[in-house]
Structures are given as C-alpha cells and as structure tokens.
Amino acid sequence: MFSRSVFRRKLTRILRVTKVAFEGATQRFDVDIGRIPGRGWNYNFHMSNIARWSIVINETLRLLNALTCRIFADELKGELRTPVFEGQTDFLVFLLLSLGLFVINWGLRLAIVEPLAALLLGSRSTRSRVQKFAQSSLEMIFYGAFSVFGASVVPKQEWFWPSKLWWSEFITGESLFMTDELKLYYLLYAARYCQGAVSVFIEHKRKDFWEMQVHHFVTVSLIGVSYAYGWNRVGAVVMVLLDPADVPLHIAKQFKYIGDARGGNTQKFMQAGADFFFVVFMLLFGIMRLGLYPYVVWSAHIEARRYFVYGYGAWTCVVLLYVLLMLQLYWFALILKVAIKVITSGTAEDVRSDDEDEDRNKIPKKNN
C-alpha cells in the first residue's frame, strides 16, 4: 500500500512525463512535416491547430499538477503566478475541462452510480426514481469536492480578508494575477456549470428547469466576466460561499428516496435523516447565501467604487451578482415552502419534484 508521499510523487511524475511526451511528439511531428514539400495553406492551418492544442493540453497538465500538490498538502515550489486572462488558451482549457467533467459525470453515473442506486432503492423503485437518486448522488459528490477544494485554496490567499483587499490592488494590476491552484479552481468551477447546463437537458426534468438554466447561465457568465476583467478575487469568494449548502440538501434527498422506496421502519429512519440534513441545509443556506453573500454583493457595488471607476465589465459583474442574489431569494421561498410542510405534516418533500413523483407521494396541491 502506497503512502501519501509516494502516491503524490508517482502522480506528479505521470503528469510531468505525459506533458513532456506530448511536447516531444508535437515537436517531432512539426519537424517531420516541415520536410514535406508542396503543403499549402490548409496544411499550415491544421499544423497551427495542433500547436494550439498542444499548448492547451500542456497548460491543463500544469494546472492539474498544482492540484496534486494541494491534495497532498504539499506547498508549490515558489509563488507560481499566472496572468488571469490568457485569451484563447484559457478558453480552450475551459472547454477541455468541461468535456472531461461531462465524461466523468456520465461515466460514473451510468457505470457505477445508477446500478448502485437500483440496489439501494430495491425492486419497487421506478426508473425515474433511480435516475434522480443517481443525479443527486453525483451532485453531492461534485458539490462536496468543490467545497473542499475551494475551502483549501481561497481562504489561504493573502487578499482573502478584509474585503477591501478584493479591490485595493485592482488599479495596480495585481489582481490580474493568481496562483495556479486558484486559476485551476476558477476554470474547473466554470467547467462544472457548463457541463451542468448541458446535462440538465439529458436528466429528468424538474419544475425549476428554466430557473436552473438561468442559474447556470448567470454563474458561467459571472465567472467569465470576472475572470476577464480581473474581478477573480470576489468571484472566488462567491464560489466558496455557494457550494457547501448543496451537500446536505442532496444527502437529505438520498435519505428521502431510499425511505420512500423501502417503506416500513426503514422509511421512518430515513425520513428522520432527511429532516436532519434538511435542517443543516437551511442553516448553511441562511448563513452563506442570505447572510454572507449579500455582503459580497454590497462590497462589489459600494465598497469597490472607493478604489476605481467602474466600466462596462464592472457593472456587468454587479448586475450578474444581483441576478444571482434574486435566484437565492427564489430558492429560499421554496425552502420555506418545504419547512411549512415539515411543520404541518411532519415530513419534508422535494418541492422541485416532477408531477409524476408528486402524484406517487400524494403531495396535495393548493388551487390558486
């Protein structure tokens, strides 16, 4: 069994060897092709694409190497700082990461999570319920992983607090630089929401389908604009605040799904677990999204203007932050609806469930 240090060295070596091998193969390919006469513009165009993607893959591997150092609590050698926005390269890295997360998400779901969900829920469970359980499980994993990653990276930045440090160095251009691990966190976060915006068309449709699409669009747009205009500090703080509350929410859903499928004494136990994690979710949602997040919006709208004059990019970020705040208030209204059901009926139901599940669970609907 490998120790943490041995495993870290092996993983880092694999990434380094892959990067070097890819660079060498690309260089040899370019040299060999350069000896072939009679190649026209199309050929040179394809060669430029190969060179561009070699840069993209090398950059992705370099950033992933920073992640391995963070996972194994190993400090990066030196203060590796990179310009925030490197144009097309960063955009292509973002697309590559989006594709990778999409493959990981659906690969794990179809090969592992859905079969396990079918076993946990039993033979009485419908295909729809199995799919929703699997979806909730993957979302719990992703939200949990990004919560841990963000909490291990963002609070350790020298500008994390007080909030004036998010803006005071904007005019000097210092905010246009970030460490490799923070840059990877930023690009991975955007990639996760990008693949989520695509996956939502494949997954079981819920009542708040369009609200979720707006949320994905606003989040990706906010990440992109803040990244391009050097608002990455406040953007990183927002990302850290939004993720943790969703972890207990999806755990509560899983308890609920298992209890409904199993019935009997199991249902009572699972319902108690669902209610407990729902309360944890409400607390985290209230503290982080309705307490701390509005302060971030205030800082971006009011405090930041003490240090520089707003342009189109800054106002775009502020508007997107307010739209995101409106979405949090909308979801808080849904949370209150569930809380009222807990008080009146003693059980928590997913107010975002589709009509089929509501009929099966016999949730009464009020006539308008």
Protein backbone atom coordinates (compact mmCIF):
# COMPACT_ATOMS: atom_id res chain seq x y z
CA MET A 1 0.00 0.00 0.00
CA PHE A 2 1.45 3.37 -1.10
CA SER A 3 1.97 6.18 1.37
CA ARG A 4 0.60 9.63 0.56
CA SER A 5 4.03 10.98 -0.37
CA VAL A 6 4.82 8.04 -2.67
CA PHE A 7 1.45 8.29 -4.38
CA ARG A 8 1.87 12.05 -4.81
CA ARG A 9 5.30 11.60 -6.39
CA LYS A 10 4.01 8.94 -8.77
CA LEU A 11 1.00 11.01 -9.80
CA THR A 12 3.13 14.12 -10.30
CA ARG A 13 5.63 12.10 -12.33
CA ILE A 14 2.86 10.74 -14.56
CA LEU A 15 1.59 14.26 -15.27
CA ARG A 16 5.13 15.52 -15.95
CA VAL A 17 6.01 12.60 -18.24
CA THR A 18 2.73 12.98 -20.13
CA LYS A 19 3.40 16.68 -20.62
CA VAL A 20 6.99 16.13 -21.82
CA ALA A 21 6.00 13.26 -24.10
CA PHE A 22 3.24 15.32 -25.66
CA GLU A 23 5.59 18.26 -26.24
CA GLY A 24 8.21 15.97 -27.78
CA ALA A 25 5.72 14.22 -30.04
CA THR A 26 4.34 17.54 -31.24
CA GLN A 27 7.81 18.94 -31.94
CA ARG A 28 8.90 15.81 -33.84
CA PHE A 29 5.68 15.89 -35.82
CA ASP A 30 6.22 19.53 -36.75
CA VAL A 31 9.85 18.86 -37.79
CA ASP A 32 8.94 15.83 -39.92
CA ILE A 33 6.09 17.67 -41.62
CA GLY A 34 8.33 20.65 -42.32
CA ARG A 35 10.45 18.44 -44.57
CA ILE A 36 7.50 17.54 -46.81
CA PRO A 37 7.27 19.95 -49.76
CA GLY A 38 4.14 21.17 -51.52
CA ARG A 39 1.96 21.80 -48.47
CA GLY A 40 -0.48 24.66 -48.84
CA TRP A 41 -2.47 26.95 -46.52
CA ASN A 42 -4.85 24.23 -45.30
CA TYR A 43 -1.95 22.13 -44.14
CA ASN A 44 -0.38 25.01 -42.26
CA PHE A 45 -3.78 25.76 -40.73
CA HIS A 46 -4.02 22.21 -39.38
CA MET A 47 -0.49 22.47 -38.03
CA SER A 48 -1.39 25.68 -36.19
CA ASN A 49 -4.38 23.91 -34.64
CA ILE A 50 -2.14 21.08 -33.45
CA ALA A 51 0.31 23.56 -31.95
CA ARG A 52 -2.52 25.44 -30.26
CA TRP A 53 -3.98 22.32 -28.69
CA SER A 54 -0.54 21.20 -27.56
CA ILE A 55 -0.31 24.46 -25.62
CA VAL A 56 -3.80 23.92 -24.21
CA ILE A 57 -3.04 20.37 -23.04
CA ASN A 58 0.30 21.43 -21.57
CA GLU A 59 -1.41 24.25 -19.67
CA THR A 60 -4.10 21.86 -18.39
CA LEU A 61 -1.49 19.38 -17.17
CA ARG A 62 0.46 22.17 -15.47
CA LEU A 63 -2.63 23.32 -13.59
CA LEU A 64 -3.58 19.76 -12.62
CA ASN A 65 -0.10 19.34 -11.19
CA ALA A 66 -0.88 22.27 -8.87
CA LEU A 67 -4.00 20.37 -7.78
CA THR A 68 -1.97 17.28 -6.82
CA CYS A 69 0.25 19.47 -4.65
CA ARG A 70 -2.83 20.87 -2.91
CA ILE A 71 -4.42 17.43 -2.38
CA PHE A 72 -1.33 16.10 -0.64
CA ALA A 73 -0.77 19.27 1.42
CA ASP A 74 2.47 19.99 -0.36
CA GLU A 75 3.44 23.61 -0.95
CA LEU A 76 4.06 24.71 -4.50
CA LYS A 77 7.68 25.48 -5.28
CA GLY A 78 7.83 29.23 -5.30
CA GLU A 79 4.88 31.54 -5.79
CA LEU A 80 3.59 30.34 -9.15
CA ARG A 81 1.56 33.21 -10.51
CA THR A 82 -0.01 33.41 -13.93
CA PRO A 83 -1.88 36.18 -15.74
CA VAL A 84 -5.59 35.76 -15.10
CA PHE A 85 -6.77 36.03 -18.68
CA GLU A 86 -4.66 34.47 -21.41
CA GLY A 87 -7.25 34.71 -24.13
CA GLN A 88 -7.87 31.73 -26.33
CA THR A 89 -5.66 29.35 -24.35
CA ASP A 90 -7.70 29.73 -21.16
CA PHE A 91 -10.95 29.40 -23.09
CA LEU A 92 -9.79 26.16 -24.70
CA VAL A 93 -8.60 24.83 -21.33
CA PHE A 94 -12.08 25.62 -20.02
CA LEU A 95 -13.68 23.68 -22.90
CA LEU A 96 -11.33 20.74 -22.34
CA LEU A 97 -12.15 20.67 -18.63
CA SER A 98 -15.88 20.92 -19.41
CA LEU A 99 -15.65 17.91 -21.70
CA GLY A 100 -13.63 15.99 -19.10
CA LEU A 101 -16.15 16.69 -16.32
CA PHE A 102 -19.04 15.74 -18.62
CA VAL A 103 -17.40 12.39 -19.40
CA ILE A 104 -16.56 11.78 -15.73
CA ASN A 105 -20.08 12.71 -14.62
CA TRP A 106 -21.94 10.46 -17.05
CA GLY A 107 -19.31 7.72 -16.99
CA LEU A 108 -19.57 7.37 -13.22
CA ARG A 109 -23.33 7.71 -13.33
CA LEU A 110 -24.03 5.05 -15.96
CA ALA A 111 -21.29 2.60 -14.96
CA ILE A 112 -21.39 2.81 -11.16
CA VAL A 113 -23.91 5.15 -9.53
CA GLU A 114 -27.14 4.08 -11.28
CA PRO A 115 -26.52 0.32 -10.71
CA LEU A 116 -25.78 1.04 -7.03
CA ALA A 117 -28.87 3.24 -6.83
CA ALA A 118 -31.03 0.42 -8.20
CA LEU A 119 -29.68 -1.91 -5.50
CA LEU A 120 -30.22 0.60 -2.70
CA LEU A 121 -33.73 1.54 -3.75
CA GLY A 122 -34.89 -2.02 -4.39
CA SER A 123 -37.14 -3.58 -6.99
CA ARG A 124 -40.16 -1.40 -6.14
CA SER A 125 -38.42 1.76 -7.28
CA THR A 126 -39.17 3.22 -10.71
CA ARG A 127 -36.60 4.04 -13.36
CA SER A 128 -37.30 7.74 -12.82
CA ARG A 129 -36.53 7.49 -9.11
CA VAL A 130 -33.29 5.59 -9.78
CA GLN A 131 -32.18 8.30 -12.21
CA LYS A 132 -33.00 11.08 -9.76
CA PHE A 133 -31.16 9.29 -6.94
CA ALA A 134 -28.11 8.89 -9.18
CA GLN A 135 -28.29 12.52 -10.25
CA SER A 136 -28.48 13.68 -6.64
CA SER A 137 -25.56 11.42 -5.68
CA LEU A 138 -23.29 12.86 -8.38
CA GLU A 139 -24.28 16.41 -7.47
CA MET A 140 -23.46 15.68 -3.83
CA ILE A 141 -20.03 14.39 -4.87
CA PHE A 142 -19.28 17.37 -7.10
CA TYR A 143 -20.53 19.97 -4.61
CA GLY A 144 -18.61 18.28 -1.81
CA ALA A 145 -15.39 18.04 -3.80
CA PHE A 146 -15.55 21.67 -4.91
CA SER A 147 -16.42 22.80 -1.38
CA VAL A 148 -13.29 21.09 -0.04
CA PHE A 149 -11.13 22.33 -2.92
CA GLY A 150 -12.36 25.90 -2.56
CA ALA A 151 -12.01 25.91 1.23
CA SER A 152 -8.42 24.68 0.91
CA VAL A 153 -7.44 27.30 -1.66
CA VAL A 154 -9.37 30.57 -1.32
CA PRO A 155 -9.08 31.35 2.43
CA LYS A 156 -5.29 30.91 2.18
CA GLN A 157 -4.95 33.71 -0.37
CA GLU A 158 -3.26 36.80 1.05
CA TRP A 159 -6.15 39.01 -0.12
CA PHE A 160 -8.98 36.91 1.37
CA TRP A 161 -9.82 39.33 4.20
CA PRO A 162 -10.64 42.15 4.83
CA SER A 163 -12.86 42.73 1.82
CA LYS A 164 -11.11 45.96 0.82
CA LEU A 165 -8.22 43.77 -0.38
CA TRP A 166 -10.51 42.41 -3.09
CA TRP A 167 -10.37 45.87 -4.71
CA SER A 168 -7.44 47.91 -3.39
CA GLU A 169 -4.92 46.32 -5.78
CA PHE A 170 -7.16 46.44 -8.82
CA ILE A 171 -5.78 49.76 -10.02
CA THR A 172 -2.17 48.47 -9.80
CA GLY A 173 -2.97 45.37 -11.85
CA GLU A 174 -2.03 42.97 -9.04
CA SER A 175 -5.50 41.43 -9.16
CA LEU A 176 -4.78 40.32 -12.72
CA PHE A 177 -2.55 37.57 -11.34
CA MET A 178 -3.43 34.44 -9.38
CA THR A 179 -1.74 31.27 -8.20
CA ASP A 180 -2.02 28.17 -10.38
CA GLU A 181 -4.28 26.35 -7.94
CA LEU A 182 -6.69 29.28 -7.78
CA LYS A 183 -6.71 29.54 -11.56
CA LEU A 184 -7.50 25.82 -11.83
CA TYR A 185 -10.29 26.21 -9.26
CA TYR A 186 -11.76 29.06 -11.30
CA LEU A 187 -11.65 27.20 -14.62
CA LEU A 188 -12.92 23.93 -13.10
CA TYR A 189 -15.80 25.74 -11.44
CA ALA A 190 -16.88 27.31 -14.72
CA ALA A 191 -16.44 23.96 -16.49
CA ARG A 192 -18.64 22.22 -13.92
CA TYR A 193 -21.51 24.63 -14.50
CA CYS A 194 -21.02 24.44 -18.26
CA GLN A 195 -21.36 20.64 -18.27
CA GLY A 196 -24.28 21.00 -15.85
CA ALA A 197 -26.08 23.29 -18.29
CA VAL A 198 -25.75 20.58 -20.95
CA SER A 199 -26.55 17.67 -18.63
CA VAL A 200 -29.79 19.26 -17.44
CA PHE A 201 -31.26 18.59 -20.90
CA ILE A 202 -30.44 14.89 -20.52
CA GLU A 203 -31.51 14.45 -16.90
CA HIS A 204 -35.01 14.02 -15.54
CA LYS A 205 -36.81 17.35 -15.99
CA ARG A 206 -37.87 19.22 -12.85
CA LYS A 207 -40.24 22.08 -12.20
CA ASP A 208 -37.42 24.62 -11.87
CA PHE A 209 -35.76 23.57 -15.14
CA TRP A 210 -35.63 27.10 -16.54
CA GLU A 211 -34.60 28.61 -13.21
CA MET A 212 -31.68 26.19 -13.14
CA GLN A 213 -30.77 27.13 -16.71
CA VAL A 214 -30.78 30.81 -15.75
CA HIS A 215 -28.63 29.96 -12.73
CA HIS A 216 -26.12 28.05 -14.88
CA PHE A 217 -26.02 30.84 -17.47
CA VAL A 218 -25.59 33.59 -14.88
CA THR A 219 -22.92 31.65 -12.99
CA VAL A 220 -20.84 30.85 -16.08
CA SER A 221 -21.23 34.43 -17.33
CA LEU A 222 -20.21 35.85 -13.96
CA ILE A 223 -17.17 33.60 -13.80
CA GLY A 224 -16.18 34.50 -17.36
CA VAL A 225 -16.62 38.27 -16.99
CA SER A 226 -14.97 38.42 -13.55
CA TYR A 227 -12.08 36.32 -14.87
CA ALA A 228 -11.57 38.53 -17.91
CA TYR A 229 -11.81 41.85 -16.03
CA GLY A 230 -9.73 40.91 -13.00
CA TRP A 231 -12.61 40.50 -10.54
CA ASN A 232 -11.37 36.99 -9.76
CA ARG A 233 -10.98 37.69 -6.04
CA VAL A 234 -14.62 38.44 -5.37
CA GLY A 235 -15.56 35.71 -7.85
CA ALA A 236 -13.59 33.12 -5.89
CA VAL A 237 -15.24 34.23 -2.63
CA VAL A 238 -18.69 33.85 -4.22
CA MET A 239 -17.85 30.34 -5.42
CA VAL A 240 -16.72 29.30 -1.94
CA LEU A 241 -19.97 30.58 -0.42
CA LEU A 242 -22.41 28.95 -2.84
CA ASP A 243 -21.34 25.29 -2.82
CA PRO A 244 -21.42 23.94 0.79
CA ALA A 245 -25.19 24.25 1.37
CA ASP A 246 -25.98 21.91 -1.52
CA VAL A 247 -24.14 18.98 0.07
CA PRO A 248 -26.62 18.34 2.94
CA LEU A 249 -29.50 19.10 0.57
CA HIS A 250 -28.58 16.20 -1.70
CA ILE A 251 -27.86 13.93 1.27
CA ALA A 252 -31.38 14.69 2.52
CA LYS A 253 -32.79 13.80 -0.91
CA GLN A 254 -30.97 10.48 -0.90
CA PHE A 255 -32.36 9.61 2.53
CA LYS A 256 -35.83 10.53 1.28
CA TYR A 257 -35.56 8.43 -1.90
CA ILE A 258 -34.34 5.36 -0.01
CA GLY A 259 -37.04 5.71 2.64
CA ASP A 260 -39.84 6.03 0.09
CA ALA A 261 -38.57 3.01 -1.83
CA ARG A 262 -38.02 0.74 1.18
CA GLY A 263 -41.01 1.64 3.36
CA GLY A 264 -41.68 0.30 6.86
CA ASN A 265 -39.27 1.05 9.70
CA THR A 266 -36.59 1.93 7.16
CA GLN A 267 -38.75 4.77 5.93
CA LYS A 268 -39.09 6.23 9.43
CA PHE A 269 -35.33 6.13 9.97
CA MET A 270 -34.57 7.59 6.55
CA GLN A 271 -37.19 10.30 6.99
CA ALA A 272 -35.56 11.34 10.26
CA GLY A 273 -32.20 11.51 8.47
CA ALA A 274 -33.73 13.53 5.64
CA ASP A 275 -35.27 16.01 8.08
CA PHE A 276 -31.98 16.40 9.96
CA PHE A 277 -29.91 17.12 6.85
CA PHE A 278 -32.62 19.44 5.56
CA VAL A 279 -32.26 21.50 8.75
CA VAL A 280 -28.46 21.56 8.22
CA PHE A 281 -29.08 22.70 4.65
CA MET A 282 -31.37 25.51 5.83
CA LEU A 283 -28.76 26.72 8.31
CA LEU A 284 -25.94 26.73 5.76
CA PHE A 285 -28.16 28.34 3.13
CA GLY A 286 -29.20 31.09 5.54
CA ILE A 287 -25.66 31.81 6.75
CA MET A 288 -23.76 31.64 3.46
CA ARG A 289 -26.27 32.63 0.78
CA LEU A 290 -28.53 35.04 2.66
CA GLY A 291 -26.02 36.32 5.21
CA LEU A 292 -22.51 36.41 3.75
CA TYR A 293 -23.33 36.54 0.04
CA PRO A 294 -25.35 39.81 0.26
CA TYR A 295 -22.29 41.35 1.95
CA VAL A 296 -20.21 40.34 -1.08
CA VAL A 297 -22.79 41.98 -3.36
CA TRP A 298 -22.64 45.15 -1.25
CA SER A 299 -18.85 45.15 -1.39
CA ALA A 300 -18.88 44.78 -5.18
CA HIS A 301 -21.49 47.51 -5.63
CA ILE A 302 -20.44 50.05 -2.98
CA GLU A 303 -17.05 49.34 -1.43
CA ALA A 304 -15.23 48.68 -4.71
CA ARG A 305 -16.12 52.11 -6.08
CA ARG A 306 -13.84 53.72 -3.50
CA TYR A 307 -10.82 52.32 -5.32
CA PHE A 308 -11.53 52.64 -9.06
CA VAL A 309 -14.02 53.92 -11.60
CA TYR A 310 -16.47 51.36 -12.92
CA GLY A 311 -16.51 50.38 -16.57
CA TYR A 312 -18.81 48.10 -18.55
CA GLY A 313 -17.13 44.98 -17.21
CA ALA A 314 -17.54 46.06 -13.58
CA TRP A 315 -21.20 46.96 -13.99
CA THR A 316 -21.83 43.67 -15.77
CA CYS A 317 -20.38 41.80 -12.79
CA VAL A 318 -22.53 43.78 -10.36
CA VAL A 319 -25.72 43.11 -12.33
CA LEU A 320 -24.95 39.38 -12.52
CA LEU A 321 -24.28 39.31 -8.77
CA TYR A 322 -27.71 40.83 -8.15
CA VAL A 323 -29.40 38.36 -10.51
CA LEU A 324 -27.71 35.54 -8.60
CA LEU A 325 -28.99 37.07 -5.35
CA MET A 326 -32.54 37.11 -6.73
CA LEU A 327 -32.22 33.42 -7.53
CA GLN A 328 -31.13 32.74 -3.95
CA LEU A 329 -34.24 34.53 -2.68
CA TYR A 330 -36.41 32.48 -5.04
CA TRP A 331 -34.92 29.24 -3.74
CA PHE A 332 -35.31 30.49 -0.18
CA ALA A 333 -39.04 30.81 -0.88
CA LEU A 334 -39.04 27.16 -1.95
CA ILE A 335 -37.17 26.25 1.23
CA LEU A 336 -39.81 28.00 3.32
CA LYS A 337 -42.48 26.04 1.45
CA VAL A 338 -40.76 22.79 2.43
CA ALA A 339 -40.29 23.99 6.01
CA ILE A 340 -44.01 24.73 6.29
CA LYS A 341 -44.77 21.21 5.07
CA VAL A 342 -42.40 19.80 7.70
CA ILE A 343 -44.22 21.74 10.42
CA THR A 344 -47.72 20.86 9.21
CA SER A 345 -47.24 17.28 8.01
CA GLY A 346 -44.05 16.22 9.78
CA THR A 347 -42.19 15.27 6.58
CA ALA A 348 -40.08 17.09 4.04
CA GLU A 349 -40.82 16.76 0.35
CA ASP A 350 -38.79 17.92 -2.64
CA VAL A 351 -40.78 20.86 -3.96
CA ARG A 352 -38.83 20.67 -7.21
CA SER A 353 -40.01 17.13 -7.98
CA ASP A 354 -41.86 16.40 -11.17
CA ASP A 355 -45.61 15.83 -11.28
CA GLU A 356 -45.25 12.06 -11.55
CA ASP A 357 -43.38 11.84 -8.26
CA GLU A 358 -45.79 14.22 -6.57
CA ASP A 359 -48.73 12.03 -7.52
CA ARG A 360 -46.99 8.95 -6.21
CA ASN A 361 -46.08 10.66 -2.93
CA LYS A 362 -49.59 12.16 -2.71
CA ILE A 363 -48.49 15.69 -2.05
CA PRO A 364 -51.61 17.88 -2.04
CA LYS A 365 -51.62 20.82 -4.40
CA LYS A 366 -53.37 24.04 -3.50
CA ASN A 367 -55.63 25.59 -6.08
CA ASN A 368 -54.84 29.16 -6.95
